Protein backbone atom coordinates (compact mmCIF):
# COMPACT_ATOMS: atom_id res chain seq x y z
CA MET A 1 0.00 0.00 0.00
CA HIS A 2 1.36 3.40 -0.97
CA ASP A 3 1.03 6.60 1.01
CA ASP A 4 3.07 9.75 1.61
CA GLN A 5 4.87 8.42 4.66
CA THR A 6 5.97 5.24 2.88
CA PHE A 7 7.51 7.19 0.00
CA LEU A 8 9.11 9.74 2.32
CA ALA A 9 10.64 6.96 4.41
CA LEU A 10 12.11 5.37 1.29
CA LEU A 11 13.56 8.70 0.19
CA ALA A 12 14.97 9.34 3.66
CA ALA A 13 16.82 6.01 3.39
CA ASP A 14 18.19 6.94 -0.04
CA PRO A 15 17.70 10.60 -1.05
CA ARG A 16 19.15 9.93 -4.52
CA ASP A 17 16.68 7.14 -5.34
CA ARG A 18 15.25 8.45 -8.61
CA ALA A 19 13.02 5.42 -9.08
CA THR A 20 11.18 6.10 -5.80
CA LEU A 21 10.90 9.79 -6.62
CA THR A 22 9.40 8.97 -10.02
CA VAL A 23 6.93 6.43 -8.63
CA TYR A 24 5.96 8.88 -5.88
CA ALA A 25 5.26 11.59 -8.48
CA ASP A 26 3.19 9.15 -10.58
CA TRP A 27 1.22 8.09 -7.51
CA LEU A 28 0.50 11.70 -6.58
CA GLU A 29 -0.66 12.47 -10.10
CA GLY A 30 -2.95 9.43 -9.96
CA THR A 31 -4.56 10.77 -6.80
CA GLY A 32 -5.12 14.19 -8.36
CA GLU A 33 -2.21 15.91 -6.56
CA LEU A 34 -0.88 17.47 -9.74
CA ALA A 35 1.04 20.34 -8.10
CA ARG A 36 2.89 18.04 -5.72
CA ALA A 37 3.71 15.67 -8.58
CA ASP A 38 5.07 18.63 -10.54
CA VAL A 39 7.32 19.60 -7.62
CA LEU A 40 8.85 16.13 -7.48
CA ARG A 41 9.43 15.95 -11.21
CA ARG A 42 11.05 19.38 -11.24
CA LEU A 43 13.23 18.35 -8.29
CA ASP A 44 14.41 15.32 -10.23
CA ALA A 45 15.01 17.29 -13.44
CA PHE A 46 16.94 19.95 -11.55
CA ALA A 47 19.16 17.35 -9.89
CA GLN A 48 19.91 15.70 -13.23
CA ALA A 49 20.75 19.02 -14.92
CA GLY A 50 23.43 19.76 -12.32
CA PRO A 51 24.71 23.00 -10.77
CA ASP A 52 26.45 24.11 -13.98
CA ASP A 53 23.25 24.17 -16.03
CA PRO A 54 23.12 27.62 -17.71
CA GLU A 55 19.38 27.74 -17.03
CA ARG A 56 19.71 26.70 -13.39
CA PHE A 57 18.34 29.92 -11.92
CA ASP A 58 15.31 29.88 -14.22
CA ARG A 59 14.69 26.23 -13.33
CA ALA A 60 15.16 27.00 -9.64
CA GLN A 61 12.67 29.87 -9.74
CA GLN A 62 10.11 27.70 -11.54
CA LEU A 63 10.54 25.03 -8.86
CA VAL A 64 10.03 27.58 -6.09
CA ASP A 65 6.97 29.03 -7.82
CA VAL A 66 5.34 25.60 -8.16
CA SER A 67 6.15 24.75 -4.53
CA ARG A 68 4.04 27.70 -3.38
CA ARG A 69 0.94 25.88 -4.63
CA VAL A 70 1.32 22.97 -2.21
CA PRO A 71 1.08 22.73 1.60
CA ARG A 72 4.12 24.14 3.40
CA GLU A 73 4.04 21.16 5.78
CA TRP A 74 4.67 18.79 2.88
CA ILE A 75 7.53 20.95 1.57
CA ALA A 76 9.10 20.70 5.03
CA GLN A 77 8.90 16.90 4.80
CA LEU A 78 10.88 17.02 1.56
CA ALA A 79 13.92 17.87 3.68
CA VAL A 80 14.70 14.16 3.25
CA VAL A 81 15.94 14.97 -0.28
CA ALA A 82 17.81 18.16 0.68
CA ARG A 83 21.31 18.23 -0.81
CA PRO A 84 22.85 19.01 1.64
CA PRO A 85 20.39 19.87 4.43
CA LEU A 86 20.75 23.55 5.35
CA ALA A 87 18.97 23.48 8.73
CA GLY A 88 21.45 24.26 11.48
CA THR A 89 24.24 25.33 9.10
CA VAL A 90 26.11 28.64 8.81
CA TRP A 91 27.35 30.24 5.60
CA HIS A 92 29.67 33.17 4.96
CA GLY A 93 28.49 35.45 2.17
CA SER A 94 31.18 36.83 -0.11
CA THR A 95 28.94 39.17 -2.09
CA GLY A 96 25.53 40.74 -1.63
CA HIS A 97 24.12 42.27 1.53
CA MET A 98 24.53 39.36 3.96
CA ILE A 99 27.89 38.62 5.56
CA VAL A 100 26.77 35.61 7.60
CA MET A 101 23.65 33.50 7.05
CA ARG A 102 22.38 31.16 9.75
CA PHE A 103 19.70 28.72 8.58
CA LEU A 104 17.74 28.02 11.75
CA ALA A 105 15.45 25.03 12.18
CA GLY A 106 11.85 25.67 11.25
CA GLY A 107 12.66 28.02 8.38
CA ALA A 108 13.81 31.11 10.31
CA LEU A 109 16.68 33.06 8.78
CA ASN A 110 19.20 34.82 10.99
CA TYR A 111 21.74 36.97 9.17
CA THR A 112 24.48 39.44 9.92
CA GLN A 113 25.10 42.60 7.91
CA THR A 114 27.78 45.20 8.43
CA ASP A 115 25.65 47.15 10.90
CA ALA A 116 23.75 44.51 12.90
CA THR A 117 22.31 41.01 13.07
CA TYR A 118 18.69 40.45 12.07
CA GLN A 119 16.16 37.67 12.34
CA ASN A 120 13.30 38.87 10.16
CA GLY A 121 13.49 36.49 7.24
CA THR A 122 12.56 32.98 6.22
CA TRP A 123 14.08 30.24 4.08
CA VAL A 124 12.91 27.08 2.35
CA GLN A 125 14.96 24.36 0.69
CA LEU A 126 13.95 22.21 -2.26
CA GLY A 127 16.64 19.66 -3.03
CA SER A 128 19.70 21.77 -3.88
CA VAL A 129 17.68 24.98 -4.26
CA VAL A 130 17.21 27.50 -1.47
CA ALA A 131 14.83 30.46 -1.49
CA MET A 132 15.07 33.20 1.15
CA GLU A 133 13.21 36.40 1.86
CA THR A 134 13.66 39.24 4.34
CA ASN A 135 11.20 41.78 5.69
CA ARG A 136 8.15 40.18 4.09
CA HIS A 137 9.74 40.02 0.66
CA PHE A 138 11.42 43.39 0.68
CA ALA A 139 14.29 41.32 -0.71
CA ASP A 140 14.19 37.82 -2.21
CA TYR A 141 17.17 35.52 -2.64
CA LEU A 142 17.46 32.40 -4.80
CA GLY A 143 20.43 30.06 -4.53
CA VAL A 144 21.76 26.81 -5.95
CA ILE A 145 23.77 24.66 -3.55
CA ALA A 146 26.79 22.74 -4.84
CA GLY A 147 28.64 21.04 -2.03
CA GLU A 148 29.83 23.74 0.35
CA ARG A 149 29.11 26.67 -1.94
CA ILE A 150 25.93 28.51 -2.88
CA ASP A 151 25.62 30.64 -6.00
CA GLY A 152 22.59 32.85 -6.30
CA VAL A 153 20.70 35.86 -7.54
CA ALA A 154 18.59 38.36 -5.62
CA HIS A 155 16.29 41.33 -6.08
CA ASN A 156 14.31 43.76 -3.95
CA ILE A 157 11.26 45.97 -4.31
CA MET A 158 13.50 48.89 -5.28
CA HIS A 159 14.16 46.98 -8.54
CA GLU A 160 17.77 46.35 -7.59
CA ARG A 161 19.25 43.03 -8.71
CA TRP A 162 22.54 41.41 -7.76
CA GLY A 163 24.40 38.14 -7.64
CA TRP A 164 25.64 36.54 -4.45
CA THR A 165 27.72 33.61 -3.28
CA ALA A 166 28.21 31.93 0.07
CA GLN A 167 30.64 29.40 1.46
CA ARG A 168 29.91 26.93 4.26
CA SER A 169 31.40 28.18 7.52
CA TYR A 170 32.60 26.08 10.43
CA ASP A 171 33.82 29.07 12.42
CA PRO A 172 32.24 28.88 15.91
CA GLU A 173 32.36 32.67 16.21
CA GLU A 174 30.24 33.06 13.08
CA ALA A 175 27.89 30.30 14.21
CA ALA A 176 27.24 32.04 17.52
CA ILE A 177 24.27 34.38 17.31
CA PRO A 178 25.34 37.80 18.67
CA GLU A 179 23.41 39.61 21.34
CA GLY A 180 20.98 42.32 20.36
CA VAL A 181 19.45 40.55 17.36
CA ILE A 182 16.88 42.76 15.62
CA ALA A 183 13.72 40.73 15.08
CA THR A 184 11.56 43.61 13.87
CA VAL A 185 10.05 42.96 10.45
CA PHE A 186 10.35 46.19 8.47
CA ASP A 187 7.29 45.73 6.26
CA GLU A 188 6.03 49.24 5.60
CA HIS A 189 6.15 48.42 1.88
CA HIS A 190 3.75 45.51 2.46
CA ARG A 191 1.36 47.49 4.64
CA THR A 192 1.35 50.37 2.17
CA THR A 193 0.34 47.98 -0.61
CA ALA A 194 -2.43 46.54 1.56
CA ARG A 195 -3.76 50.01 2.36
CA SER A 196 -3.89 50.92 -1.33
CA ALA A 197 -6.14 47.95 -2.23
CA PRO A 198 -9.42 49.84 -1.53
CA LEU A 199 -8.32 52.50 -3.98
CA GLN A 200 -9.68 50.33 -6.79
CA ALA A 201 -13.03 51.92 -5.95
CA LEU A 202 -11.79 55.47 -6.52
CA GLY A 203 -14.52 56.17 -9.04
CA ARG A 204 -16.99 56.36 -6.18
CA LEU A 205 -14.99 58.99 -4.28
CA GLU A 206 -15.55 62.71 -4.39
CA PRO A 207 -12.84 64.59 -6.36
CA THR A 208 -11.08 65.91 -3.24
CA ALA A 209 -11.04 62.49 -1.59
CA ARG A 210 -9.88 60.87 -4.84
CA HIS A 211 -6.94 63.28 -5.09
CA ALA A 212 -5.84 62.55 -1.51
CA ALA A 213 -6.07 58.80 -2.09
CA ASP A 214 -4.09 59.03 -5.33
CA GLU A 215 -1.35 60.94 -3.53
CA GLN A 216 -1.07 58.29 -0.83
CA ALA A 217 -1.08 55.41 -3.33
CA THR A 218 1.79 56.85 -5.38
CA ARG A 219 3.95 57.89 -2.43
CA PRO A 220 7.00 55.56 -2.36
CA PRO A 221 7.18 53.34 0.74
CA LYS A 222 9.91 53.89 3.29
CA PRO A 223 12.56 51.15 2.89
CA PRO A 224 13.30 49.01 5.93
CA LYS A 225 16.46 49.58 7.90
CA SER A 226 17.81 46.17 6.90
CA ARG A 227 18.06 45.74 3.15
CA GLY A 228 18.38 42.01 3.62
């Protein structure tokens, strides 16, 4: 008899078992779980393409996008095929805005910048792909893991884009979380967007009220203190 736990147990015993991954995807498709089947097939295709695939970042983003259509609890269970598992590890960033990244259990991201250490982001791993965000998607990071190195791309709501790399760190000083961690989520950009949603009904406002609402909707949001 097949069920999720049986397949996950088999994959935990051998994360590189393509046959089990394929059968699992076929079984999910047969039960109508098309999005979850798609995730597994994209995971397999990504692993076969390898970290040097010139389209790796496009493939990685497609995988992340599809994963958002399935339960987060199931994605967490796919940690059995993580290559390598990031939970509990520390990485030293050589480019980008993060100097040290600490992937905490449960998907919390703790990171150190030049000015302070923050814990206002999240991360999720899909095989050898990692997606991170800070300050409710003020900045989004996408990375491809190859051994003890991560190569990635990132962007923020200010339309800035950059590449980044990170190397696995075993330095106990970097692993230690400093005192005074800033856990505040700087999400004014998100709240401003939410407030502007009712403005779709501007046609029903009086001219003076419409002008005031237009002014608020077009005012640029204040960026958070941590660029993430």
